[in-house]
C-alpha atoms as a PDB file:
ATOM      1  CA  UNK A   1     -17.186 -11.035  21.023  1.00  0.00           C
ATOM      2  CA  UNK A   2     -18.150 -14.666  21.107  1.00  0.00           C
ATOM      3  CA  UNK A   3     -19.043 -16.214  24.439  1.00  0.00           C
ATOM      4  CA  UNK A   4     -17.832 -19.708  25.146  1.00  0.00           C
ATOM      5  CA  UNK A   5     -19.923 -21.976  27.308  1.00  0.00           C
ATOM      6  CA  UNK A   6     -18.300 -23.305  30.486  1.00  0.00           C
ATOM      7  CA  UNK A   7     -17.103 -26.902  30.429  1.00  0.00           C
ATOM      8  CA  UNK A   8     -16.903 -28.901  33.678  1.00  0.00           C
ATOM      9  CA  UNK A   9     -17.246 -25.938  36.017  1.00  0.00           C
ATOM     10  CA  UNK A  10     -14.799 -23.661  34.218  1.00  0.00           C
ATOM     11  CA  UNK A  11     -15.623 -19.986  34.040  1.00  0.00           C
ATOM     12  CA  UNK A  12     -16.717 -18.672  30.667  1.00  0.00           C
ATOM     13  CA  UNK A  13     -14.278 -16.466  28.848  1.00  0.00           C
ATOM     14  CA  UNK A  14     -14.824 -14.110  25.965  1.00  0.00           C
ATOM     15  CA  UNK A  15     -13.005 -14.803  22.741  1.00  0.00           C
ATOM     16  CA  UNK A  16     -12.745 -12.035  20.177  1.00  0.00           C
ATOM     17  CA  UNK A  17     -12.027 -12.712  16.544  1.00  0.00           C
ATOM     18  CA  UNK A  18     -10.205  -9.931  14.723  1.00  0.00           C
ATOM     19  CA  UNK A  19     -10.636  -9.630  10.982  1.00  0.00           C
ATOM     20  CA  UNK A  20      -8.505  -7.466   8.664  1.00  0.00           C
ATOM     21  CA  UNK A  21     -10.289  -4.388   7.263  1.00  0.00           C
ATOM     22  CA  UNK A  22      -9.465  -1.493   4.953  1.00  0.00           C
ATOM     23  CA  UNK A  23     -11.356   1.750   5.482  1.00  0.00           C
ATOM     24  CA  UNK A  24     -11.257   4.171   2.561  1.00  0.00           C
ATOM     25  CA  UNK A  25     -12.091   7.769   3.487  1.00  0.00           C
ATOM     26  CA  UNK A  26     -12.901  10.834   1.414  1.00  0.00           C
ATOM     27  CA  UNK A  27     -12.030  13.843   3.550  1.00  0.00           C
ATOM     28  CA  UNK A  28     -13.011  17.484   3.128  1.00  0.00           C
ATOM     29  CA  UNK A  29     -10.525  19.023   0.630  1.00  0.00           C
ATOM     30  CA  UNK A  30     -10.396  22.341   2.484  1.00  0.00           C
ATOM     31  CA  UNK A  31      -8.218  20.758   5.196  1.00  0.00           C
ATOM     32  CA  UNK A  32      -4.465  21.185   4.912  1.00  0.00           C
ATOM     33  CA  UNK A  33      -2.104  18.207   4.761  1.00  0.00           C
ATOM     34  CA  UNK A  34      -1.248  18.698   8.447  1.00  0.00           C
ATOM     35  CA  UNK A  35      -4.942  18.724   9.372  1.00  0.00           C
ATOM     36  CA  UNK A  36      -5.521  15.525   7.377  1.00  0.00           C
ATOM     37  CA  UNK A  37      -2.579  13.849   9.145  1.00  0.00           C
ATOM     38  CA  UNK A  38      -3.931  14.958  12.533  1.00  0.00           C
ATOM     39  CA  UNK A  39      -7.403  13.674  11.615  1.00  0.00           C
ATOM     40  CA  UNK A  40      -5.966  10.278  10.624  1.00  0.00           C
ATOM     41  CA  UNK A  41      -4.072  10.075  13.925  1.00  0.00           C
ATOM     42  CA  UNK A  42      -7.268  10.922  15.820  1.00  0.00           C
ATOM     43  CA  UNK A  43      -9.235   8.304  13.896  1.00  0.00           C
ATOM     44  CA  UNK A  44      -6.648   5.585  14.515  1.00  0.00           C
ATOM     45  CA  UNK A  45      -6.607   6.464  18.221  1.00  0.00           C
ATOM     46  CA  UNK A  46     -10.403   6.221  18.269  1.00  0.00           C
ATOM     47  CA  UNK A  47     -10.219   2.836  16.587  1.00  0.00           C
ATOM     48  CA  UNK A  48      -7.618   1.684  19.099  1.00  0.00           C
ATOM     49  CA  UNK A  49      -9.818   2.904  21.960  1.00  0.00           C
ATOM     50  CA  UNK A  50     -12.720   0.852  20.616  1.00  0.00           C
ATOM     51  CA  UNK A  51     -10.628  -2.324  20.715  1.00  0.00           C
ATOM     52  CA  UNK A  52      -9.271  -2.499  17.181  1.00  0.00           C
ATOM     53  CA  UNK A  53      -5.651  -2.863  16.147  1.00  0.00           C
ATOM     54  CA  UNK A  54      -4.854  -0.107  13.642  1.00  0.00           C
ATOM     55  CA  UNK A  55      -2.216  -0.818  11.024  1.00  0.00           C
ATOM     56  CA  UNK A  56      -0.883   1.718   8.575  1.00  0.00           C
ATOM     57  CA  UNK A  57      -2.818   4.784   7.549  1.00  0.00           C
ATOM     58  CA  UNK A  58      -1.887   6.960   4.622  1.00  0.00           C
ATOM     59  CA  UNK A  59      -3.202   9.910   2.677  1.00  0.00           C
ATOM     60  CA  UNK A  60      -3.480   9.543  -1.078  1.00  0.00           C
ATOM     61  CA  UNK A  61      -3.909  13.259  -1.727  1.00  0.00           C
ATOM     62  CA  UNK A  62      -6.617  15.296  -3.441  1.00  0.00           C
ATOM     63  CA  UNK A  63      -8.549  13.828  -6.323  1.00  0.00           C
ATOM     64  CA  UNK A  64     -11.425  15.056  -8.428  1.00  0.00           C
ATOM     65  CA  UNK A  65     -14.717  13.380  -7.535  1.00  0.00           C
ATOM     66  CA  UNK A  66     -17.097  11.859 -10.069  1.00  0.00           C
ATOM     67  CA  UNK A  67     -19.923  13.942  -8.593  1.00  0.00           C
ATOM     68  CA  UNK A  68     -20.282  16.581  -5.892  1.00  0.00           C
ATOM     69  CA  UNK A  69     -20.310  15.495  -2.252  1.00  0.00           C
ATOM     70  CA  UNK A  70     -21.603  18.175   0.125  1.00  0.00           C
ATOM     71  CA  UNK A  71     -20.994  20.774  -2.591  1.00  0.00           C
ATOM     72  CA  UNK A  72     -17.329  19.729  -2.983  1.00  0.00           C
ATOM     73  CA  UNK A  73     -15.875  18.807  -6.375  1.00  0.00           C
ATOM     74  CA  UNK A  74     -12.653  17.409  -4.878  1.00  0.00           C
ATOM     75  CA  UNK A  75     -11.823  15.220  -1.931  1.00  0.00           C
ATOM     76  CA  UNK A  76      -8.739  14.066  -0.070  1.00  0.00           C
ATOM     77  CA  UNK A  77      -8.510  10.283  -0.193  1.00  0.00           C
ATOM     78  CA  UNK A  78      -7.042   8.320   2.727  1.00  0.00           C
ATOM     79  CA  UNK A  79      -6.951   4.678   3.748  1.00  0.00           C
ATOM     80  CA  UNK A  80      -6.702   3.031   7.173  1.00  0.00           C
ATOM     81  CA  UNK A  81      -5.781  -0.633   7.511  1.00  0.00           C
ATOM     82  CA  UNK A  82      -6.775  -2.341  10.750  1.00  0.00           C
ATOM     83  CA  UNK A  83      -7.804  -5.561  12.454  1.00  0.00           C
ATOM     84  CA  UNK A  84     -10.976  -5.487  14.500  1.00  0.00           C
ATOM     85  CA  UNK A  85     -14.099  -7.349  15.509  1.00  0.00           C
ATOM     86  CA  UNK A  86     -17.277  -6.611  13.508  1.00  0.00           C
ATOM     87  CA  UNK A  87     -19.032  -4.719  16.375  1.00  0.00           C
ATOM     88  CA  UNK A  88     -15.967  -2.481  16.689  1.00  0.00           C
ATOM     89  CA  UNK A  89     -16.139  -1.608  12.996  1.00  0.00           C
ATOM     90  CA  UNK A  90     -19.869  -0.909  13.256  1.00  0.00           C
ATOM     91  CA  UNK A  91     -19.271   1.574  16.103  1.00  0.00           C
ATOM     92  CA  UNK A  92     -16.335   3.161  14.259  1.00  0.00           C
ATOM     93  CA  UNK A  93     -18.521   3.639  11.162  1.00  0.00           C
ATOM     94  CA  UNK A  94     -21.168   5.298  13.346  1.00  0.00           C
ATOM     95  CA  UNK A  95     -18.549   7.744  14.603  1.00  0.00           C
ATOM     96  CA  UNK A  96     -17.334   8.406  11.047  1.00  0.00           C
ATOM     97  CA  UNK A  97     -20.886   9.374  10.046  1.00  0.00           C
ATOM     98  CA  UNK A  98     -20.878  11.982  12.821  1.00  0.00           C
ATOM     99  CA  UNK A  99     -17.500  13.446  11.802  1.00  0.00           C
ATOM    100  CA  UNK A 100     -18.069  16.571   9.700  1.00  0.00           C
ATOM    101  CA  UNK A 101     -14.674  16.331   7.975  1.00  0.00           C
ATOM    102  CA  UNK A 102     -15.380  12.881   6.515  1.00  0.00           C
ATOM    103  CA  UNK A 103     -17.430  13.250   3.322  1.00  0.00           C
ATOM    104  CA  UNK A 104     -17.730   9.530   2.543  1.00  0.00           C
ATOM    105  CA  UNK A 105     -16.194   6.247   3.688  1.00  0.00           C
ATOM    106  CA  UNK A 106     -16.206   2.614   2.648  1.00  0.00           C
ATOM    107  CA  UNK A 107     -15.167  -0.316   4.826  1.00  0.00           C
ATOM    108  CA  UNK A 108     -13.981  -3.517   3.182  1.00  0.00           C
ATOM    109  CA  UNK A 109     -13.090  -6.764   4.913  1.00  0.00           C
ATOM    110  CA  UNK A 110      -9.871  -8.060   3.385  1.00  0.00           C
ATOM    111  CA  UNK A 111     -10.020 -11.783   2.624  1.00  0.00           C
ATOM    112  CA  UNK A 112      -7.359 -13.868   4.315  1.00  0.00           C
ATOM    113  CA  UNK A 113      -5.129 -15.557   1.783  1.00  0.00           C
ATOM    114  CA  UNK A 114      -5.213 -19.308   2.146  1.00  0.00           C
ATOM    115  CA  UNK A 115      -2.223 -21.435   1.414  1.00  0.00           C
ATOM    116  CA  UNK A 116      -2.739 -23.208  -1.870  1.00  0.00           C
ATOM    117  CA  UNK A 117      -1.441 -26.704  -2.088  1.00  0.00           C
ATOM    118  CA  UNK A 118       0.690 -27.099  -5.135  1.00  0.00           C
ATOM    119  CA  UNK A 119       0.763 -30.210  -7.207  1.00  0.00           C
ATOM    120  CA  UNK A 120       3.645 -32.461  -6.255  1.00  0.00           C
ATOM    121  CA  UNK A 121       6.635 -32.118  -8.523  1.00  0.00           C
ATOM    122  CA  UNK A 122       7.487 -35.254 -10.442  1.00  0.00           C
ATOM    123  CA  UNK A 123      10.532 -37.053  -9.115  1.00  0.00           C
ATOM    124  CA  UNK A 124      13.376 -37.401 -11.605  1.00  0.00           C
ATOM    125  CA  UNK A 125      13.580 -40.951 -12.907  1.00  0.00           C
ATOM    126  CA  UNK A 126      16.378 -42.940 -11.398  1.00  0.00           C
ATOM    127  CA  UNK A 127      19.092 -43.765 -13.886  1.00  0.00           C
ATOM    128  CA  UNK A 128      19.363 -47.487 -14.287  1.00  0.00           C
ATOM    129  CA  UNK A 129      22.826 -48.837 -14.492  1.00  0.00           C
ATOM    130  CA  UNK A 130      23.527 -51.584 -16.948  1.00  0.00           C
ATOM    131  CA  UNK A 131      25.575 -54.226 -15.288  1.00  0.00           C
END
């Protein structure tokens, strides 16, 4: 949250800036598909409770890991897309570290696509009439 300074006796108001994020999760492979779906719902509700705006969340299924994580050779991959303020993401990451079903996670801030100005198209030459 960014605090704005009062101007001419106005009261200060808090302005929050939400940035788009993608959170990639590797979940314990011993959970069933229903348990993974319930975990994703719980995590999105937690994110919403912290002040974020969760978007879509989906499970990518089980994949073999490059190396063992907590003695597991496989992991269930899932992704959560959301918009949130940086302190909200920091608190959500803290809660993910405490969750025993989450083996690993990675949060990435998605860059906002800027409109690119195109070069102006050349105007067709006017046809001169011979009079």
